[in-house]
Amino acid sequence: MGFVTPDYGTIFWMVIIFGITLFILKKFAWRPILTALKDRENNIAEALASADKARKEVAKMKTNQEAILDEARKEKNEILKEARELKTKIIDEAKTTAHAEGLKIVETARLQIEAEKTAAITEMKKQLVDLSVLVAEKIIQQEFKTDKNQEKLVEKLIKDLKFN
């Protein structure tokens, strides 16, 4: 026959060879191929499930991360607020302490000036008394150089004593 139409004998042998090949493949290769395909299908399903699970975990972690960042920002703001309040409190305390110390120093200086003033006045009075005594002594020495003046003074003092 020709190249286009096969002969009946060739068709017979092709069917027998195809049947034998099919039998051998079914007996020895079909189960392992199906098992491999099922295993591959299970692996792909597990990989998809784990990828979905991982995606959900990533989304959950992202949400947790945002919550943690928000909490950290809140804590940072609270700490900064407390630090500002503490700074203000320390500055106010320092001002109050400095004012009190200043008043204390001024009061101490005022008391010291007052004490020195009193001491100077006392010293001046003492010097005035000493000067007065010295002047009186000089005057009395001058007046009592003569005996007549001394007798007059004694008589006057006696007279004054009698009336009192």
Protein backbone atom coordinates (compact mmCIF):
# COMPACT_ATOMS: atom_id res chain seq x y z
CA MET A 1 0.00 0.00 0.00
CA GLY A 2 1.29 3.44 0.37
CA PHE A 3 2.56 5.88 2.79
CA VAL A 4 -0.82 7.39 3.48
CA THR A 5 -2.92 4.29 4.16
CA PRO A 6 -1.44 1.66 6.42
CA ASP A 7 -1.77 -2.03 5.86
CA TYR A 8 -4.06 -4.28 8.03
CA GLY A 9 -1.12 -6.24 9.30
CA THR A 10 0.64 -3.09 10.46
CA ILE A 11 -2.49 -1.90 12.25
CA PHE A 12 -2.81 -5.31 14.00
CA TRP A 13 0.75 -5.23 15.24
CA MET A 14 0.44 -1.59 16.29
CA VAL A 15 -2.64 -2.39 18.42
CA ILE A 16 -0.88 -5.39 20.02
CA ILE A 17 2.28 -3.34 20.78
CA PHE A 18 0.15 -0.47 22.11
CA GLY A 19 -1.79 -2.91 24.37
CA ILE A 20 1.42 -4.48 25.67
CA THR A 21 2.91 -1.02 26.31
CA LEU A 22 -0.30 0.05 28.04
CA PHE A 23 -0.33 -3.10 30.19
CA ILE A 24 3.34 -2.63 31.19
CA LEU A 25 2.80 1.06 31.95
CA LYS A 26 -0.36 0.27 34.00
CA LYS A 27 1.35 -2.54 35.87
CA PHE A 28 4.62 -0.78 36.68
CA ALA A 29 4.47 2.99 36.01
CA TRP A 30 0.87 4.18 36.48
CA ARG A 31 0.75 3.92 40.30
CA PRO A 32 4.10 5.64 40.94
CA ILE A 33 3.18 8.44 38.52
CA LEU A 34 -0.23 8.93 40.19
CA THR A 35 1.38 8.78 43.64
CA ALA A 36 3.98 11.34 42.58
CA LEU A 37 1.24 13.58 41.17
CA LYS A 38 -0.82 13.26 44.38
CA ASP A 39 2.26 14.00 46.50
CA ARG A 40 3.04 17.03 44.34
CA GLU A 41 -0.57 18.20 44.60
CA ASN A 42 -0.44 17.82 48.43
CA ASN A 43 2.89 19.67 48.59
CA ILE A 44 1.50 22.52 46.50
CA ALA A 45 -1.64 22.69 48.69
CA GLU A 46 0.50 22.72 51.86
CA ALA A 47 2.76 25.39 50.39
CA LEU A 48 -0.27 27.53 49.52
CA ALA A 49 -1.73 27.01 53.00
CA SER A 50 1.57 27.89 54.70
CA ALA A 51 1.97 30.93 52.43
CA ASP A 52 -1.54 32.06 53.38
CA LYS A 53 -0.76 31.43 57.03
CA ALA A 54 2.52 33.35 56.71
CA ARG A 55 0.69 36.23 55.00
CA LYS A 56 -1.80 36.34 57.87
CA GLU A 57 1.02 36.25 60.42
CA VAL A 58 2.83 39.06 58.61
CA ALA A 59 -0.36 41.13 58.65
CA LYS A 60 -0.82 40.34 62.34
CA MET A 61 2.82 41.24 63.09
CA LYS A 62 2.45 44.46 61.14
CA THR A 63 -0.61 45.34 63.22
CA ASN A 64 1.27 44.43 66.41
CA GLN A 65 4.26 46.44 65.24
CA GLU A 66 2.08 49.50 64.64
CA ALA A 67 0.50 49.07 68.08
CA ILE A 68 3.94 48.76 69.67
CA LEU A 69 5.16 51.85 67.79
CA ASP A 70 2.09 53.80 68.93
CA GLU A 71 2.69 52.69 72.50
CA ALA A 72 6.37 53.65 72.23
CA ARG A 73 5.41 57.09 70.89
CA LYS A 74 2.96 57.57 73.76
CA GLU A 75 5.61 56.55 76.29
CA LYS A 76 8.15 58.86 74.64
CA ASN A 77 5.73 61.78 74.80
CA GLU A 78 4.90 60.99 78.43
CA ILE A 79 8.58 60.79 79.37
CA LEU A 80 9.28 64.09 77.61
CA LYS A 81 6.33 65.70 79.38
CA GLU A 82 7.56 64.43 82.75
CA ALA A 83 11.08 65.68 81.93
CA ARG A 84 9.73 69.14 81.08
CA GLU A 85 7.70 69.23 84.30
CA LEU A 86 10.73 68.10 86.31
CA LYS A 87 12.89 70.75 84.62
CA THR A 88 10.34 73.44 85.43
CA LYS A 89 10.08 72.21 89.01
CA ILE A 90 13.87 72.18 89.46
CA ILE A 91 14.19 75.66 87.97
CA ASP A 92 11.43 76.99 90.23
CA GLU A 93 13.03 75.36 93.28
CA ALA A 94 16.42 76.83 92.31
CA LYS A 95 14.86 80.28 91.91
CA THR A 96 13.11 79.97 95.27
CA THR A 97 16.28 78.75 96.95
CA ALA A 98 18.36 81.51 95.34
CA HIS A 99 15.81 84.14 96.41
CA ALA A 100 15.80 82.78 99.97
CA GLU A 101 19.60 82.70 100.03
CA GLY A 102 19.71 86.25 98.69
CA LEU A 103 17.34 87.45 101.38
CA LYS A 104 19.36 85.59 103.97
CA ILE A 105 22.59 87.21 102.75
CA VAL A 106 20.97 90.66 102.71
CA GLU A 107 19.62 90.13 106.24
CA THR A 108 23.02 88.92 107.46
CA ALA A 109 24.69 91.94 105.87
CA ARG A 110 22.08 94.27 107.40
CA LEU A 111 22.66 92.75 110.85
CA GLN A 112 26.41 92.99 110.39
CA ILE A 113 26.13 96.63 109.33
CA GLU A 114 23.87 97.34 112.31
CA ALA A 115 26.36 95.63 114.66
CA GLU A 116 29.27 97.58 113.18
CA LYS A 117 27.25 100.80 113.42
CA THR A 118 26.49 100.12 117.07
CA ALA A 119 30.15 99.28 117.73
CA ALA A 120 31.25 102.48 115.96
CA ILE A 121 28.77 104.58 117.97
CA THR A 122 29.93 102.93 121.19
CA GLU A 123 33.54 103.57 120.24
CA MET A 124 32.75 107.21 119.40
CA LYS A 125 30.97 107.65 122.76
CA LYS A 126 33.94 106.15 124.56
CA GLN A 127 36.35 108.44 122.70
CA LEU A 128 34.03 111.42 123.40
CA VAL A 129 33.96 110.56 127.11
CA ASP A 130 37.75 110.18 127.15
CA LEU A 131 38.11 113.48 125.30
CA SER A 132 35.65 115.18 127.66
CA VAL A 133 37.52 113.89 130.69
CA LEU A 134 40.78 115.06 129.20
CA VAL A 135 39.35 118.51 128.43
CA ALA A 136 37.80 118.74 131.91
CA GLU A 137 41.08 117.70 133.46
CA LYS A 138 42.94 120.38 131.50
CA ILE A 139 40.34 123.00 132.47
CA ILE A 140 40.42 122.02 136.13
CA GLN A 141 44.20 122.06 136.19
CA GLN A 142 44.08 125.52 134.65
CA GLU A 143 41.53 126.84 137.17
CA PHE A 144 43.15 125.38 140.24
CA LYS A 145 46.61 126.66 139.69
CA THR A 146 46.07 129.16 142.42
CA ASP A 147 45.01 128.46 146.01
CA LYS A 148 42.36 131.12 145.94
CA ASN A 149 40.46 129.41 143.16
CA GLN A 150 40.63 126.15 145.05
CA GLU A 151 39.13 127.69 148.19
CA LYS A 152 36.28 129.28 146.21
CA LEU A 153 35.39 125.93 144.67
CA VAL A 154 35.42 124.14 148.04
CA GLU A 155 33.16 126.79 149.59
CA LYS A 156 30.75 126.61 146.69
CA LEU A 157 30.57 122.83 146.91
CA ILE A 158 29.93 123.00 150.68
CA LYS A 159 27.16 125.50 150.13
CA ASP A 160 25.56 123.32 147.49
CA LEU A 161 25.69 120.36 149.81
CA LYS A 162 23.94 122.18 152.64
CA PHE A 163 20.94 123.13 150.48
CA ASN A 164 20.41 119.70 149.10
